N, C-alpha and C. Protein backbone atom coordinates (compact mmCIF):
# COMPACT_ATOMS: atom_id res chain seq x y z
N MET A 1 160.02 89.00 169.30
CA MET A 1 159.23 88.39 170.35
C MET A 1 159.94 87.12 170.82
N LYS A 2 159.80 86.82 172.10
CA LYS A 2 160.35 85.58 172.65
C LYS A 2 159.22 84.56 172.71
N LEU A 3 159.49 83.39 172.14
CA LEU A 3 158.48 82.33 172.05
C LEU A 3 158.99 81.04 172.67
N LEU A 4 158.16 80.43 173.50
CA LEU A 4 158.40 79.07 173.95
C LEU A 4 157.91 78.17 172.82
N VAL A 5 158.70 77.20 172.39
CA VAL A 5 158.33 76.35 171.25
C VAL A 5 158.52 74.89 171.64
N SER A 6 157.54 74.06 171.31
CA SER A 6 157.69 72.62 171.53
C SER A 6 158.96 72.16 170.80
N ALA A 7 159.88 71.58 171.55
CA ALA A 7 161.18 71.20 171.00
C ALA A 7 161.04 70.22 169.84
N CYS A 8 160.03 69.36 169.86
CA CYS A 8 159.85 68.39 168.78
C CYS A 8 159.59 69.09 167.44
N LEU A 9 158.96 70.28 167.48
CA LEU A 9 158.70 71.04 166.25
C LEU A 9 159.97 71.61 165.66
N LEU A 10 161.00 71.73 166.48
CA LEU A 10 162.29 72.26 166.04
C LEU A 10 163.28 71.16 165.71
N GLY A 11 162.82 69.93 165.68
CA GLY A 11 163.68 68.82 165.27
C GLY A 11 164.31 68.02 166.39
N VAL A 12 163.97 68.31 167.62
CA VAL A 12 164.52 67.55 168.75
C VAL A 12 163.72 66.25 168.91
N PRO A 13 164.39 65.09 168.89
CA PRO A 13 163.67 63.81 169.00
C PRO A 13 163.28 63.51 170.45
N CYS A 14 162.24 64.21 170.92
CA CYS A 14 161.84 64.10 172.32
C CYS A 14 160.42 63.62 172.52
N ARG A 15 159.72 63.30 171.44
CA ARG A 15 158.34 62.84 171.56
C ARG A 15 158.27 61.48 172.24
N TYR A 16 157.07 61.07 172.60
CA TYR A 16 156.88 59.79 173.29
C TYR A 16 157.50 58.63 172.51
N ASP A 17 157.49 58.73 171.18
CA ASP A 17 158.01 57.65 170.33
C ASP A 17 159.50 57.81 170.02
N GLY A 18 160.14 58.80 170.64
CA GLY A 18 161.56 59.03 170.43
C GLY A 18 161.87 59.78 169.15
N LYS A 19 160.86 60.32 168.50
CA LYS A 19 161.05 61.02 167.24
C LYS A 19 160.76 62.50 167.41
N ALA A 20 161.13 63.26 166.38
CA ALA A 20 160.79 64.68 166.29
C ALA A 20 159.58 64.82 165.37
N LYS A 21 158.98 65.97 165.36
CA LYS A 21 157.91 66.34 164.41
C LYS A 21 158.30 67.68 163.81
N THR A 22 159.48 67.71 163.19
CA THR A 22 160.02 68.95 162.66
C THR A 22 158.99 69.65 161.78
N HIS A 23 158.81 70.93 162.03
CA HIS A 23 157.80 71.71 161.33
C HIS A 23 158.49 72.90 160.67
N ASP A 24 158.39 72.97 159.33
CA ASP A 24 159.07 74.03 158.59
C ASP A 24 158.62 75.42 159.02
N GLY A 25 157.34 75.57 159.33
CA GLY A 25 156.83 76.87 159.78
C GLY A 25 157.48 77.30 161.08
N ALA A 26 157.62 76.36 162.02
CA ALA A 26 158.28 76.69 163.29
C ALA A 26 159.73 77.06 163.05
N LEU A 27 160.41 76.30 162.19
CA LEU A 27 161.81 76.60 161.89
C LEU A 27 161.97 77.97 161.23
N SER A 28 160.98 78.37 160.45
CA SER A 28 161.07 79.66 159.75
C SER A 28 161.01 80.85 160.70
N LEU A 29 160.62 80.61 161.94
CA LEU A 29 160.52 81.70 162.91
C LEU A 29 161.89 82.12 163.46
N PHE A 30 162.92 81.26 163.26
CA PHE A 30 164.28 81.65 163.66
C PHE A 30 164.63 82.93 162.91
N GLY A 31 165.24 83.85 163.59
CA GLY A 31 165.62 85.11 162.95
C GLY A 31 164.60 86.20 163.19
N ARG A 32 163.32 85.87 163.16
CA ARG A 32 162.28 86.85 163.46
C ARG A 32 161.99 86.92 164.94
N HIS A 33 162.19 85.80 165.63
CA HIS A 33 161.86 85.70 167.05
C HIS A 33 162.98 84.96 167.78
N THR A 34 163.01 85.12 169.08
CA THR A 34 163.89 84.33 169.93
C THR A 34 163.09 83.09 170.34
N LEU A 35 163.56 81.92 169.95
CA LEU A 35 162.84 80.68 170.23
C LEU A 35 163.48 79.95 171.39
N ILE A 36 162.65 79.55 172.33
CA ILE A 36 163.11 78.78 173.49
C ILE A 36 162.51 77.39 173.37
N PRO A 37 163.32 76.39 172.94
CA PRO A 37 162.80 75.03 172.80
C PRO A 37 162.52 74.41 174.16
N PHE A 38 161.45 73.64 174.22
CA PHE A 38 161.03 73.08 175.51
C PHE A 38 160.17 71.85 175.28
N CYS A 39 160.36 70.82 176.09
CA CYS A 39 159.48 69.66 176.10
C CYS A 39 158.99 69.46 177.53
N PRO A 40 157.73 69.77 177.81
CA PRO A 40 157.24 69.66 179.19
C PRO A 40 157.28 68.24 179.74
N GLU A 41 157.15 67.24 178.89
CA GLU A 41 157.15 65.87 179.38
C GLU A 41 158.54 65.48 179.88
N ILE A 42 159.57 65.93 179.19
CA ILE A 42 160.93 65.67 179.65
C ILE A 42 161.22 66.46 180.93
N TYR A 43 160.83 67.75 180.94
CA TYR A 43 161.05 68.56 182.13
C TYR A 43 160.25 68.04 183.32
N GLY A 44 159.18 67.32 183.05
CA GLY A 44 158.39 66.72 184.11
C GLY A 44 158.98 65.43 184.64
N GLY A 45 160.04 64.94 183.99
CA GLY A 45 160.73 63.75 184.48
C GLY A 45 160.46 62.47 183.71
N LEU A 46 159.76 62.56 182.59
CA LEU A 46 159.48 61.35 181.81
C LEU A 46 160.62 61.08 180.82
N PRO A 47 160.90 59.82 180.53
CA PRO A 47 161.99 59.47 179.61
C PRO A 47 161.54 59.58 178.15
N THR A 48 162.51 59.52 177.26
CA THR A 48 162.26 59.41 175.83
C THR A 48 163.01 58.19 175.35
N PRO A 49 162.35 57.25 174.70
CA PRO A 49 160.90 57.19 174.46
C PRO A 49 160.14 56.83 175.74
N ARG A 50 158.81 56.95 175.65
CA ARG A 50 157.92 56.65 176.78
C ARG A 50 156.59 56.20 176.22
N PRO A 51 155.78 55.51 176.99
CA PRO A 51 154.46 55.12 176.50
C PRO A 51 153.62 56.36 176.16
N ALA A 52 152.81 56.25 175.14
CA ALA A 52 151.89 57.32 174.80
C ALA A 52 150.99 57.61 175.99
N SER A 53 150.62 58.88 176.15
CA SER A 53 149.73 59.29 177.24
C SER A 53 148.61 60.14 176.67
N GLU A 54 147.48 60.14 177.36
CA GLU A 54 146.35 60.97 176.97
C GLU A 54 145.65 61.48 178.21
N ARG A 55 145.02 62.65 178.07
CA ARG A 55 144.25 63.21 179.18
C ARG A 55 142.95 62.44 179.33
N GLN A 56 142.60 62.19 180.57
CA GLN A 56 141.31 61.60 180.93
C GLN A 56 140.75 62.48 182.03
N GLY A 57 140.04 63.53 181.62
CA GLY A 57 139.58 64.53 182.58
C GLY A 57 140.76 65.31 183.09
N GLU A 58 140.90 65.40 184.40
CA GLU A 58 142.01 66.13 185.01
C GLU A 58 143.28 65.28 185.10
N ARG A 59 143.16 64.00 184.86
CA ARG A 59 144.31 63.09 184.95
C ARG A 59 144.94 62.90 183.58
N VAL A 60 146.21 62.49 183.59
CA VAL A 60 146.90 62.07 182.38
C VAL A 60 147.36 60.65 182.64
N VAL A 61 146.99 59.75 181.72
CA VAL A 61 147.26 58.33 181.91
C VAL A 61 148.04 57.81 180.71
N ALA A 62 149.09 57.03 181.00
CA ALA A 62 149.86 56.38 179.94
C ALA A 62 149.07 55.20 179.41
N LYS A 63 149.38 54.80 178.20
CA LYS A 63 148.70 53.66 177.58
C LYS A 63 148.87 52.40 178.42
N THR A 64 149.92 52.35 179.24
CA THR A 64 150.17 51.21 180.12
C THR A 64 149.24 51.21 181.34
N GLY A 65 148.51 52.32 181.55
CA GLY A 65 147.64 52.45 182.70
C GLY A 65 148.24 53.28 183.84
N ASN A 66 149.53 53.59 183.75
CA ASN A 66 150.17 54.39 184.80
C ASN A 66 149.66 55.82 184.78
N ASP A 67 149.40 56.38 185.95
CA ASP A 67 149.00 57.77 186.08
C ASP A 67 150.26 58.64 186.04
N VAL A 68 150.34 59.52 185.04
CA VAL A 68 151.51 60.39 184.88
C VAL A 68 151.13 61.86 185.05
N THR A 69 150.01 62.08 185.73
CA THR A 69 149.52 63.44 185.93
C THR A 69 150.55 64.33 186.59
N GLU A 70 151.21 63.85 187.62
CA GLU A 70 152.17 64.67 188.35
C GLU A 70 153.33 65.10 187.46
N GLN A 71 153.83 64.21 186.63
CA GLN A 71 154.92 64.57 185.72
C GLN A 71 154.46 65.63 184.72
N PHE A 72 153.24 65.51 184.22
CA PHE A 72 152.72 66.49 183.28
C PHE A 72 152.52 67.84 183.95
N ARG A 73 152.06 67.85 185.19
CA ARG A 73 151.89 69.11 185.93
C ARG A 73 153.25 69.77 186.20
N ARG A 74 154.21 68.95 186.59
CA ARG A 74 155.56 69.48 186.86
C ARG A 74 156.15 70.10 185.59
N GLY A 75 155.97 69.43 184.46
CA GLY A 75 156.46 69.97 183.19
C GLY A 75 155.77 71.27 182.82
N ALA A 76 154.47 71.35 183.07
CA ALA A 76 153.72 72.58 182.78
C ALA A 76 154.22 73.73 183.65
N GLU A 77 154.48 73.44 184.91
CA GLU A 77 154.99 74.48 185.81
C GLU A 77 156.36 74.97 185.36
N GLU A 78 157.19 74.06 184.86
CA GLU A 78 158.51 74.46 184.34
C GLU A 78 158.36 75.31 183.08
N ALA A 79 157.38 74.98 182.23
CA ALA A 79 157.12 75.79 181.03
C ALA A 79 156.76 77.21 181.44
N LEU A 80 155.87 77.34 182.41
CA LEU A 80 155.47 78.66 182.87
C LEU A 80 156.66 79.40 183.48
N ARG A 81 157.46 78.69 184.25
CA ARG A 81 158.64 79.32 184.86
C ARG A 81 159.58 79.86 183.78
N LEU A 82 159.82 79.07 182.73
CA LEU A 82 160.69 79.53 181.65
C LEU A 82 160.10 80.72 180.91
N CYS A 83 158.79 80.69 180.68
CA CYS A 83 158.15 81.83 180.02
C CYS A 83 158.35 83.11 180.83
N ARG A 84 158.20 83.01 182.12
CA ARG A 84 158.39 84.18 182.98
C ARG A 84 159.86 84.61 183.02
N LEU A 85 160.75 83.63 183.12
CA LEU A 85 162.18 83.91 183.18
C LEU A 85 162.67 84.64 181.93
N TYR A 86 162.23 84.18 180.77
CA TYR A 86 162.69 84.75 179.50
C TYR A 86 161.77 85.82 178.94
N GLY A 87 160.63 86.05 179.57
CA GLY A 87 159.71 87.06 179.09
C GLY A 87 158.97 86.66 177.82
N CYS A 88 158.62 85.39 177.72
CA CYS A 88 157.91 84.91 176.52
C CYS A 88 156.50 85.51 176.48
N GLU A 89 156.12 85.97 175.33
CA GLU A 89 154.79 86.52 175.13
C GLU A 89 153.82 85.47 174.61
N ALA A 90 154.37 84.42 174.02
CA ALA A 90 153.51 83.40 173.41
C ALA A 90 154.26 82.07 173.37
N ALA A 91 153.50 81.03 173.05
CA ALA A 91 154.06 79.69 172.90
C ALA A 91 153.52 79.07 171.62
N LEU A 92 154.38 78.40 170.88
CA LEU A 92 153.99 77.63 169.70
C LEU A 92 154.16 76.17 170.08
N LEU A 93 153.03 75.46 170.21
CA LEU A 93 153.04 74.13 170.80
C LEU A 93 152.48 73.07 169.87
N LYS A 94 152.87 71.82 170.13
CA LYS A 94 152.46 70.66 169.33
C LYS A 94 150.98 70.38 169.53
N GLU A 95 150.26 70.40 168.44
CA GLU A 95 148.81 70.18 168.49
C GLU A 95 148.47 68.75 168.92
N ARG A 96 147.33 68.61 169.55
CA ARG A 96 146.71 67.36 169.98
C ARG A 96 147.44 66.65 171.13
N SER A 97 148.54 67.19 171.57
CA SER A 97 149.34 66.60 172.64
C SER A 97 148.64 66.74 174.00
N PRO A 98 148.79 65.74 174.88
CA PRO A 98 148.22 65.86 176.22
C PRO A 98 148.93 66.94 177.04
N SER A 99 150.10 67.36 176.61
CA SER A 99 150.80 68.47 177.26
C SER A 99 150.50 69.78 176.54
N CYS A 100 150.72 69.77 175.25
CA CYS A 100 150.81 71.01 174.48
C CYS A 100 149.60 71.33 173.62
N GLY A 101 148.70 70.38 173.42
CA GLY A 101 147.56 70.61 172.54
C GLY A 101 146.71 71.79 172.99
N HIS A 102 146.17 72.50 172.01
CA HIS A 102 145.31 73.65 172.31
C HIS A 102 144.07 73.59 171.41
N GLY A 103 142.91 73.52 172.04
CA GLY A 103 141.65 73.48 171.29
C GLY A 103 141.13 72.08 171.06
N ALA A 104 142.03 71.16 170.71
CA ALA A 104 141.65 69.75 170.51
C ALA A 104 142.81 68.87 170.97
N ILE A 105 142.47 67.85 171.73
CA ILE A 105 143.46 66.89 172.22
C ILE A 105 142.91 65.47 172.02
N HIS A 106 143.79 64.50 172.11
CA HIS A 106 143.34 63.11 172.01
C HIS A 106 142.34 62.81 173.12
N ASN A 107 141.39 61.94 172.84
CA ASN A 107 140.20 61.75 173.68
C ASN A 107 140.39 60.88 174.92
N GLY A 108 141.57 60.34 175.14
CA GLY A 108 141.81 59.53 176.34
C GLY A 108 141.51 58.06 176.16
N LEU A 109 141.08 57.68 174.95
CA LEU A 109 140.75 56.27 174.67
C LEU A 109 141.83 55.57 173.86
N PHE A 110 142.88 56.29 173.47
CA PHE A 110 143.98 55.75 172.68
C PHE A 110 143.49 55.14 171.36
N ASP A 111 142.48 55.76 170.78
CA ASP A 111 141.93 55.27 169.51
C ASP A 111 142.09 56.29 168.38
N GLY A 112 142.87 57.34 168.62
CA GLY A 112 143.10 58.37 167.61
C GLY A 112 142.04 59.46 167.59
N GLY A 113 140.97 59.28 168.37
CA GLY A 113 139.91 60.28 168.40
C GLY A 113 140.33 61.54 169.13
N LEU A 114 139.62 62.63 168.84
CA LEU A 114 139.92 63.92 169.44
C LEU A 114 138.70 64.45 170.19
N VAL A 115 138.98 65.28 171.19
CA VAL A 115 137.93 66.00 171.92
C VAL A 115 138.39 67.45 172.07
N GLU A 116 137.44 68.31 172.34
CA GLU A 116 137.75 69.69 172.61
C GLU A 116 138.48 69.78 173.94
N GLY A 117 139.53 70.59 173.98
CA GLY A 117 140.25 70.76 175.23
C GLY A 117 141.68 71.19 175.01
N ASP A 118 142.39 71.37 176.11
CA ASP A 118 143.78 71.80 176.08
C ASP A 118 144.63 70.81 176.85
N GLY A 119 145.88 70.69 176.43
CA GLY A 119 146.84 69.90 177.18
C GLY A 119 147.19 70.62 178.48
N VAL A 120 147.86 69.92 179.37
CA VAL A 120 148.16 70.44 180.70
C VAL A 120 149.02 71.71 180.62
N THR A 121 150.04 71.71 179.79
CA THR A 121 150.91 72.88 179.66
C THR A 121 150.18 74.03 178.99
N ALA A 122 149.49 73.75 177.90
CA ALA A 122 148.76 74.81 177.19
C ALA A 122 147.76 75.48 178.13
N ALA A 123 147.05 74.69 178.92
CA ALA A 123 146.05 75.24 179.83
C ALA A 123 146.70 76.16 180.87
N LEU A 124 147.82 75.73 181.45
CA LEU A 124 148.48 76.54 182.47
C LEU A 124 149.01 77.85 181.88
N LEU A 125 149.58 77.78 180.69
CA LEU A 125 150.09 79.00 180.06
C LEU A 125 148.94 79.97 179.78
N LEU A 126 147.85 79.46 179.24
CA LEU A 126 146.69 80.31 178.95
C LEU A 126 146.14 80.96 180.23
N GLN A 127 146.06 80.17 181.31
CA GLN A 127 145.57 80.70 182.59
C GLN A 127 146.44 81.83 183.12
N ASN A 128 147.68 81.86 182.66
CA ASN A 128 148.62 82.87 183.13
C ASN A 128 148.92 83.94 182.08
N GLY A 129 148.04 84.06 181.11
CA GLY A 129 148.11 85.16 180.16
C GLY A 129 149.09 85.01 179.02
N ILE A 130 149.57 83.81 178.78
CA ILE A 130 150.50 83.58 177.68
C ILE A 130 149.71 83.02 176.50
N ALA A 131 149.79 83.68 175.36
CA ALA A 131 149.08 83.24 174.17
C ALA A 131 149.64 81.91 173.70
N VAL A 132 148.76 81.00 173.29
CA VAL A 132 149.17 79.68 172.84
C VAL A 132 148.69 79.48 171.41
N PHE A 133 149.60 79.00 170.56
CA PHE A 133 149.31 78.70 169.17
C PHE A 133 149.73 77.26 168.88
N GLY A 134 148.96 76.55 168.09
CA GLY A 134 149.36 75.24 167.58
C GLY A 134 150.23 75.42 166.35
N GLU A 135 150.95 74.37 165.97
CA GLU A 135 151.87 74.52 164.84
C GLU A 135 151.17 74.91 163.54
N SER A 136 149.90 74.56 163.37
CA SER A 136 149.20 74.95 162.15
C SER A 136 148.86 76.44 162.14
N GLU A 137 149.06 77.10 163.28
CA GLU A 137 148.76 78.54 163.39
C GLU A 137 150.02 79.39 163.37
N TRP A 138 151.15 78.83 163.01
CA TRP A 138 152.41 79.53 163.10
C TRP A 138 152.40 80.84 162.31
N GLU A 139 151.66 80.91 161.23
CA GLU A 139 151.64 82.13 160.41
C GLU A 139 150.90 83.28 161.10
N ARG A 140 150.15 83.00 162.13
CA ARG A 140 149.46 84.05 162.89
C ARG A 140 150.40 84.82 163.81
N LEU A 141 151.59 84.28 164.03
CA LEU A 141 152.55 84.97 164.88
C LEU A 141 153.11 86.17 164.13
N PRO A 142 153.24 87.32 164.81
CA PRO A 142 153.71 88.54 164.12
C PRO A 142 155.14 88.40 163.61
């Protein structure tokens, strides 16, 4: 299976804080699947490092107060384009992220709290029939 994977889970230091979130489960998928590393925030035009961002309804706002919704949307569209280009059946994405989170994301108050919802990229992929899994669900992948 071809999988779009959050690049930070594969050891790429592309998160807002300039670090990776290497995940052994994601790495273990090499060999069983074709993995396509991707960071929607970078593809959307944001630098690394960058201020933390959180969803506030339909908008995405950086901790500095800047509206970064357009960059997040552009990154999500690029994720979908890559999934279509490579024939990805699913995506393994970073949980709680304003881009990649699925099921629960940060609450928009920058206080560590969570709310039910999906990140911008996860939502677009789901709307287009691509299965989305968080890193804690990696074992559910065939």
